Amino acid sequence: MTPEQYQQIGELCYEALQLEPDQRKAFLDQACAEDQALRQEVESLLSYQQEAEDSFDTPALEVAARLLAKGQAMPTNASATSTTKLLNDDPTVVVP
């Protein structure tokens, strides 16, 4: 892939991200026309972007609390120990 193609993919991805998700298909229909490879690259980046956004929807401490409560994670370093202390100081979180 050429630098120009990478730039085009990046620009289209950026433009698509400025749109509401339900508007992106029509945008890509017009912007990519008959270039299915271009469209696939842009859609792939949009998909990764959505996955990244979804992974940040739940606060990390909430995820850590759930895992600790289920016994699926144990502190193994100072950072994890600090997290456990924070969780233990919160009366709404039950840590085994």
N, C-alpha and C. Protein backbone atom coordinates (compact mmCIF):
# COMPACT_ATOMS: atom_id res chain seq x y z
N MET A 1 0.85 -1.18 0.00
CA MET A 1 0.00 0.00 0.00
C MET A 1 0.90 1.24 0.00
N THR A 2 0.50 2.22 -0.76
CA THR A 2 1.31 3.43 -0.89
C THR A 2 0.99 4.41 0.25
N PRO A 3 1.90 5.36 0.49
CA PRO A 3 1.62 6.39 1.50
C PRO A 3 0.35 7.18 1.18
N GLU A 4 0.09 7.37 -0.09
CA GLU A 4 -1.12 8.10 -0.49
C GLU A 4 -2.37 7.33 -0.12
N GLN A 5 -2.32 6.00 -0.29
CA GLN A 5 -3.47 5.17 0.07
C GLN A 5 -3.70 5.19 1.58
N TYR A 6 -2.61 5.10 2.35
CA TYR A 6 -2.74 5.18 3.81
C TYR A 6 -3.35 6.52 4.22
N GLN A 7 -2.91 7.57 3.56
CA GLN A 7 -3.45 8.90 3.88
C GLN A 7 -4.93 8.97 3.53
N GLN A 8 -5.32 8.43 2.39
CA GLN A 8 -6.73 8.44 1.99
C GLN A 8 -7.57 7.65 2.98
N ILE A 9 -7.08 6.49 3.40
CA ILE A 9 -7.81 5.67 4.37
C ILE A 9 -7.97 6.44 5.68
N GLY A 10 -6.91 7.07 6.13
CA GLY A 10 -6.96 7.84 7.36
C GLY A 10 -7.95 8.99 7.29
N GLU A 11 -7.93 9.69 6.16
CA GLU A 11 -8.85 10.82 5.99
C GLU A 11 -10.30 10.35 5.97
N LEU A 12 -10.57 9.28 5.24
CA LEU A 12 -11.94 8.77 5.18
C LEU A 12 -12.41 8.27 6.54
N CYS A 13 -11.51 7.62 7.26
CA CYS A 13 -11.86 7.14 8.60
C CYS A 13 -12.18 8.32 9.51
N TYR A 14 -11.35 9.34 9.46
CA TYR A 14 -11.59 10.54 10.27
C TYR A 14 -12.93 11.16 9.92
N GLU A 15 -13.20 11.31 8.65
CA GLU A 15 -14.47 11.91 8.22
C GLU A 15 -15.66 11.06 8.68
N ALA A 16 -15.52 9.75 8.55
CA ALA A 16 -16.61 8.87 8.96
C ALA A 16 -16.85 8.95 10.46
N LEU A 17 -15.79 9.11 11.24
CA LEU A 17 -15.94 9.21 12.69
C LEU A 17 -16.64 10.50 13.12
N GLN A 18 -16.63 11.49 12.25
CA GLN A 18 -17.31 12.74 12.56
C GLN A 18 -18.83 12.62 12.37
N LEU A 19 -19.24 11.54 11.72
CA LEU A 19 -20.66 11.30 11.45
C LEU A 19 -21.27 10.40 12.51
N GLU A 20 -22.56 10.43 12.61
CA GLU A 20 -23.27 9.48 13.47
C GLU A 20 -23.11 8.09 12.85
N PRO A 21 -23.05 7.06 13.69
CA PRO A 21 -22.86 5.70 13.14
C PRO A 21 -23.85 5.32 12.05
N ASP A 22 -25.09 5.76 12.15
CA ASP A 22 -26.08 5.38 11.14
C ASP A 22 -25.91 6.13 9.82
N GLN A 23 -25.04 7.13 9.78
CA GLN A 23 -24.78 7.88 8.55
C GLN A 23 -23.54 7.39 7.81
N ARG A 24 -22.77 6.55 8.45
CA ARG A 24 -21.48 6.15 7.89
C ARG A 24 -21.60 5.28 6.65
N LYS A 25 -22.61 4.40 6.59
CA LYS A 25 -22.75 3.53 5.43
C LYS A 25 -22.94 4.35 4.16
N ALA A 26 -23.84 5.32 4.21
CA ALA A 26 -24.09 6.17 3.04
C ALA A 26 -22.84 6.96 2.66
N PHE A 27 -22.13 7.43 3.67
CA PHE A 27 -20.89 8.17 3.41
C PHE A 27 -19.88 7.27 2.69
N LEU A 28 -19.71 6.04 3.20
CA LEU A 28 -18.75 5.12 2.58
C LEU A 28 -19.20 4.68 1.20
N ASP A 29 -20.52 4.54 1.00
CA ASP A 29 -21.04 4.20 -0.34
C ASP A 29 -20.57 5.24 -1.34
N GLN A 30 -20.66 6.49 -0.96
CA GLN A 30 -20.30 7.58 -1.87
C GLN A 30 -18.78 7.76 -1.95
N ALA A 31 -18.10 7.74 -0.81
CA ALA A 31 -16.67 8.03 -0.78
C ALA A 31 -15.82 6.93 -1.38
N CYS A 32 -16.24 5.69 -1.22
CA CYS A 32 -15.42 4.57 -1.71
C CYS A 32 -15.88 4.07 -3.08
N ALA A 33 -17.08 4.47 -3.46
CA ALA A 33 -17.65 4.08 -4.76
C ALA A 33 -17.43 2.59 -5.02
N GLU A 34 -16.66 2.26 -6.04
CA GLU A 34 -16.45 0.86 -6.43
C GLU A 34 -15.18 0.25 -5.83
N ASP A 35 -14.47 1.00 -5.01
CA ASP A 35 -13.20 0.52 -4.45
C ASP A 35 -13.46 -0.25 -3.15
N GLN A 36 -13.73 -1.55 -3.29
CA GLN A 36 -14.07 -2.38 -2.13
C GLN A 36 -12.90 -2.55 -1.18
N ALA A 37 -11.68 -2.58 -1.70
CA ALA A 37 -10.50 -2.72 -0.83
C ALA A 37 -10.37 -1.49 0.07
N LEU A 38 -10.60 -0.32 -0.50
CA LEU A 38 -10.56 0.92 0.28
C LEU A 38 -11.63 0.89 1.36
N ARG A 39 -12.81 0.52 0.97
CA ARG A 39 -13.92 0.47 1.92
C ARG A 39 -13.64 -0.52 3.05
N GLN A 40 -13.11 -1.69 2.71
CA GLN A 40 -12.81 -2.68 3.74
C GLN A 40 -11.78 -2.16 4.73
N GLU A 41 -10.77 -1.45 4.25
CA GLU A 41 -9.75 -0.89 5.14
C GLU A 41 -10.37 0.14 6.09
N VAL A 42 -11.20 1.01 5.55
CA VAL A 42 -11.85 2.04 6.38
C VAL A 42 -12.79 1.39 7.39
N GLU A 43 -13.59 0.44 6.93
CA GLU A 43 -14.51 -0.24 7.85
C GLU A 43 -13.77 -0.99 8.94
N SER A 44 -12.61 -1.55 8.60
CA SER A 44 -11.80 -2.24 9.60
C SER A 44 -11.33 -1.27 10.68
N LEU A 45 -10.85 -0.12 10.28
CA LEU A 45 -10.42 0.89 11.25
C LEU A 45 -11.59 1.37 12.10
N LEU A 46 -12.73 1.57 11.48
CA LEU A 46 -13.92 2.00 12.24
C LEU A 46 -14.32 0.94 13.25
N SER A 47 -14.20 -0.31 12.87
CA SER A 47 -14.53 -1.40 13.78
C SER A 47 -13.60 -1.41 14.98
N TYR A 48 -12.30 -1.26 14.74
CA TYR A 48 -11.34 -1.21 15.85
C TYR A 48 -11.60 -0.01 16.75
N GLN A 49 -11.97 1.10 16.15
CA GLN A 49 -12.28 2.30 16.94
C GLN A 49 -13.48 2.04 17.85
N GLN A 50 -14.49 1.38 17.31
CA GLN A 50 -15.69 1.07 18.11
C GLN A 50 -15.35 0.13 19.25
N GLU A 51 -14.52 -0.88 18.98
CA GLU A 51 -14.11 -1.81 20.03
C GLU A 51 -13.36 -1.07 21.13
N ALA A 52 -12.49 -0.15 20.75
CA ALA A 52 -11.74 0.62 21.74
C ALA A 52 -12.67 1.47 22.59
N GLU A 53 -13.63 2.11 21.96
CA GLU A 53 -14.59 2.93 22.70
C GLU A 53 -15.41 2.07 23.66
N ASP A 54 -15.83 0.91 23.19
CA ASP A 54 -16.63 0.01 24.03
C ASP A 54 -15.84 -0.46 25.24
N SER A 55 -14.55 -0.69 25.06
CA SER A 55 -13.75 -1.20 26.18
C SER A 55 -13.57 -0.16 27.27
N PHE A 56 -13.78 1.11 26.96
CA PHE A 56 -13.64 2.16 27.96
C PHE A 56 -14.98 2.59 28.54
N ASP A 57 -16.05 1.94 28.16
CA ASP A 57 -17.36 2.28 28.70
C ASP A 57 -17.49 1.90 30.17
N THR A 58 -16.78 0.87 30.61
CA THR A 58 -16.83 0.43 31.99
C THR A 58 -15.56 0.89 32.70
N PRO A 59 -15.70 1.64 33.79
CA PRO A 59 -14.52 2.11 34.52
C PRO A 59 -13.65 0.95 34.98
N ALA A 60 -12.35 1.15 34.94
CA ALA A 60 -11.40 0.10 35.28
C ALA A 60 -11.58 -0.41 36.70
N LEU A 61 -11.86 0.48 37.65
CA LEU A 61 -12.05 0.03 39.02
C LEU A 61 -13.27 -0.87 39.16
N GLU A 62 -14.29 -0.59 38.38
CA GLU A 62 -15.49 -1.44 38.41
C GLU A 62 -15.16 -2.83 37.88
N VAL A 63 -14.40 -2.90 36.81
CA VAL A 63 -14.00 -4.19 36.27
C VAL A 63 -13.12 -4.92 37.27
N ALA A 64 -12.17 -4.21 37.87
CA ALA A 64 -11.28 -4.84 38.86
C ALA A 64 -12.08 -5.35 40.04
N ALA A 65 -13.06 -4.59 40.49
CA ALA A 65 -13.88 -5.01 41.63
C ALA A 65 -14.64 -6.29 41.31
N ARG A 66 -15.20 -6.36 40.10
CA ARG A 66 -15.94 -7.56 39.71
C ARG A 66 -15.02 -8.78 39.66
N LEU A 67 -13.84 -8.60 39.09
CA LEU A 67 -12.90 -9.71 38.99
C LEU A 67 -12.43 -10.16 40.37
N LEU A 68 -12.13 -9.20 41.23
CA LEU A 68 -11.70 -9.55 42.58
C LEU A 68 -12.82 -10.25 43.34
N ALA A 69 -14.03 -9.77 43.16
CA ALA A 69 -15.17 -10.37 43.85
C ALA A 69 -15.38 -11.81 43.40
N LYS A 70 -15.07 -12.10 42.15
CA LYS A 70 -15.23 -13.45 41.63
C LYS A 70 -13.99 -14.31 41.87
N GLY A 71 -12.96 -13.71 42.47
CA GLY A 71 -11.74 -14.45 42.71
C GLY A 71 -10.93 -14.71 41.47
N GLN A 72 -11.15 -13.93 40.41
CA GLN A 72 -10.46 -14.17 39.15
C GLN A 72 -9.17 -13.38 39.02
N ALA A 73 -8.93 -12.47 39.93
CA ALA A 73 -7.71 -11.67 39.84
C ALA A 73 -7.16 -11.47 41.24
N MET A 74 -5.88 -11.64 41.36
CA MET A 74 -5.23 -11.43 42.64
C MET A 74 -4.14 -10.39 42.47
N PRO A 75 -3.96 -9.51 43.43
CA PRO A 75 -2.89 -8.52 43.32
C PRO A 75 -1.52 -9.21 43.23
N THR A 76 -0.72 -8.73 42.28
CA THR A 76 0.60 -9.31 42.12
C THR A 76 1.70 -8.26 42.21
N ASN A 77 1.33 -6.99 42.33
CA ASN A 77 2.35 -5.95 42.45
C ASN A 77 1.79 -4.79 43.26
N ALA A 78 2.60 -3.76 43.47
CA ALA A 78 2.19 -2.63 44.30
C ALA A 78 0.97 -1.92 43.73
N SER A 79 0.90 -1.81 42.42
CA SER A 79 -0.24 -1.14 41.80
C SER A 79 -1.54 -1.89 42.08
N ALA A 80 -1.51 -3.20 41.94
CA ALA A 80 -2.70 -4.00 42.21
C ALA A 80 -3.06 -3.94 43.68
N THR A 81 -2.06 -3.94 44.55
CA THR A 81 -2.31 -3.84 45.99
C THR A 81 -2.97 -2.52 46.31
N SER A 82 -2.54 -1.44 45.67
CA SER A 82 -3.15 -0.13 45.89
C SER A 82 -4.60 -0.15 45.44
N THR A 83 -4.88 -0.81 44.33
CA THR A 83 -6.25 -0.91 43.84
C THR A 83 -7.11 -1.65 44.85
N THR A 84 -6.58 -2.74 45.41
CA THR A 84 -7.32 -3.50 46.41
C THR A 84 -7.60 -2.63 47.63
N LYS A 85 -6.63 -1.84 48.06
CA LYS A 85 -6.84 -0.95 49.19
C LYS A 85 -7.95 0.04 48.88
N LEU A 86 -7.93 0.62 47.68
CA LEU A 86 -8.99 1.56 47.30
C LEU A 86 -10.34 0.87 47.33
N LEU A 87 -10.40 -0.35 46.83
CA LEU A 87 -11.67 -1.08 46.81
C LEU A 87 -12.12 -1.39 48.24
N ASN A 88 -11.18 -1.76 49.10
CA ASN A 88 -11.53 -2.07 50.49
C ASN A 88 -12.01 -0.84 51.25
N ASP A 89 -11.56 0.35 50.84
CA ASP A 89 -11.98 1.58 51.50
C ASP A 89 -13.36 2.03 51.06
N ASP A 90 -13.88 1.44 50.01
CA ASP A 90 -15.19 1.80 49.49
C ASP A 90 -16.23 0.86 50.07
N PRO A 91 -17.14 1.36 50.94
CA PRO A 91 -18.10 0.46 51.58
C PRO A 91 -19.11 -0.17 50.62
N THR A 92 -19.20 0.32 49.39
CA THR A 92 -20.16 -0.25 48.44
C THR A 92 -19.58 -1.42 47.68
N VAL A 93 -18.27 -1.66 47.81
CA VAL A 93 -17.62 -2.74 47.09
C VAL A 93 -17.26 -3.84 48.08
N VAL A 94 -17.67 -5.06 47.77
CA VAL A 94 -17.34 -6.20 48.61
C VAL A 94 -16.21 -6.95 47.96
N VAL A 95 -15.07 -7.02 48.67
CA VAL A 95 -13.90 -7.73 48.17
C VAL A 95 -13.65 -8.91 49.09
N PRO A 96 -13.51 -10.11 48.52
CA PRO A 96 -13.30 -11.30 49.36
C PRO A 96 -11.98 -11.26 50.09
